[in-house]
Protein backbone atom coordinates (compact mmCIF):
# COMPACT_ATOMS: atom_id res chain seq x y z
CA MET A 1 0.00 0.00 0.00
CA SER A 2 1.37 3.41 -0.91
CA ARG A 3 1.79 6.23 1.56
CA PRO A 4 0.15 9.62 1.02
CA LEU A 5 2.32 12.42 -0.34
CA VAL A 6 0.19 15.27 1.03
CA SER A 7 -2.16 15.58 3.97
CA SER A 8 -5.87 14.97 3.65
CA SER A 9 -6.86 18.60 4.22
CA LEU A 10 -4.33 19.88 1.68
CA ALA A 11 -5.45 17.32 -0.88
CA THR A 12 -9.10 18.25 -0.36
CA CYS A 13 -8.37 21.97 -0.73
CA CYS A 14 -6.31 21.35 -3.87
CA SER A 15 -9.08 19.19 -5.33
CA VAL A 16 -11.74 21.85 -4.83
CA LEU A 17 -9.59 24.68 -6.21
CA SER A 18 -8.48 22.59 -9.18
CA VAL A 19 -12.05 21.69 -10.12
CA PHE A 20 -13.03 25.38 -10.01
CA GLY A 21 -9.97 26.30 -12.11
CA PHE A 22 -10.84 23.59 -14.63
CA LEU A 23 -14.42 24.82 -14.96
CA ILE A 24 -13.57 28.53 -15.17
CA LEU A 25 -10.77 28.11 -17.72
CA GLY A 26 -12.92 25.74 -19.77
CA ALA A 27 -15.71 28.32 -19.85
CA LEU A 28 -13.27 31.08 -20.79
CA GLY A 29 -11.94 28.88 -23.59
CA VAL A 30 -15.44 28.39 -24.95
CA ALA A 31 -16.09 32.15 -24.74
CA PHE A 32 -12.85 33.06 -26.53
CA ASN A 33 -13.50 30.44 -29.20
CA ALA A 34 -16.94 31.96 -29.83
CA ASN A 35 -15.35 35.45 -30.06
CA VAL A 36 -17.61 36.89 -27.37
CA GLU A 37 -17.62 40.65 -27.85
CA VAL A 38 -17.02 41.44 -24.19
CA LEU A 39 -13.69 39.62 -24.41
CA MET A 40 -12.74 40.50 -27.99
CA GLY A 41 -14.26 43.96 -28.56
CA LYS A 42 -11.42 46.30 -27.53
CA THR A 43 -8.37 47.27 -29.55
CA SER A 44 -6.02 45.97 -26.84
CA SER A 45 -7.76 42.57 -26.80
CA PRO A 46 -6.24 39.54 -28.53
CA HIS A 47 -6.83 39.35 -32.27
CA ASP A 48 -7.04 35.55 -32.51
CA GLY A 49 -9.66 34.26 -30.11
CA HIS A 50 -9.15 30.65 -31.15
CA ALA A 51 -5.46 30.69 -30.13
CA VAL A 52 -6.38 32.09 -26.71
CA ALA A 53 -9.11 29.45 -26.38
CA VAL A 54 -6.64 26.64 -27.07
CA ASN A 55 -4.31 28.00 -24.36
CA CYS A 56 -7.22 28.17 -21.90
CA TRP A 57 -8.16 24.57 -22.68
CA PHE A 58 -4.58 23.34 -22.18
CA ALA A 59 -4.42 25.15 -18.84
CA SER A 60 -7.76 23.63 -17.83
CA LEU A 61 -6.39 20.17 -18.62
CA ILE A 62 -3.48 20.84 -16.26
CA TYR A 63 -5.98 21.80 -13.56
CA LEU A 64 -7.87 18.59 -14.29
CA ALA A 65 -4.67 16.57 -13.82
CA PHE A 66 -4.09 18.27 -10.46
CA ALA A 67 -7.69 17.53 -9.44
CA ILE A 68 -7.29 13.85 -10.29
CA PHE A 69 -3.98 13.62 -8.41
CA CYS A 70 -5.39 15.33 -5.33
CA ALA A 71 -8.53 13.20 -5.39
CA CYS A 72 -6.32 10.11 -5.44
CA GLN A 73 -4.40 11.52 -2.48
CA VAL A 74 -7.66 11.96 -0.57
CA GLY A 75 -8.42 8.30 -1.21
CA VAL A 76 -4.95 7.17 -0.14
CA ASN A 77 -5.24 9.24 3.05
CA ARG A 78 -8.55 7.56 3.88
CA ARG A 79 -7.07 4.08 3.45
CA TYR A 80 -3.74 4.73 5.11
CA GLN A 81 -3.73 4.40 8.88
CA ARG A 82 -0.98 6.26 10.66
CA GLY A 83 0.84 4.31 13.28
CA ALA A 84 -0.52 0.96 12.17
CA VAL A 85 1.99 -1.86 12.04
CA ARG A 86 2.15 -3.53 8.65
CA LEU A 87 3.66 -6.99 8.42
């Protein structure tokens, strides 16, 4: 049985924040891909909304990977008993 790398509370916090980051960046990627005028209407805004959308989606996948890792750590922390003697 593997030992946890991070504590249960830290893994839970990281899981929640990573899920929110995944959802928000995914939604921003969809909005940039659709060239929503609020995001693309100014002269200082990016000219290629699709390129920005692809970057948002890659970043959201990184957040998803963190969420999966931290969720696994929560599971390992629940199974691992500190101080228990393993033979």
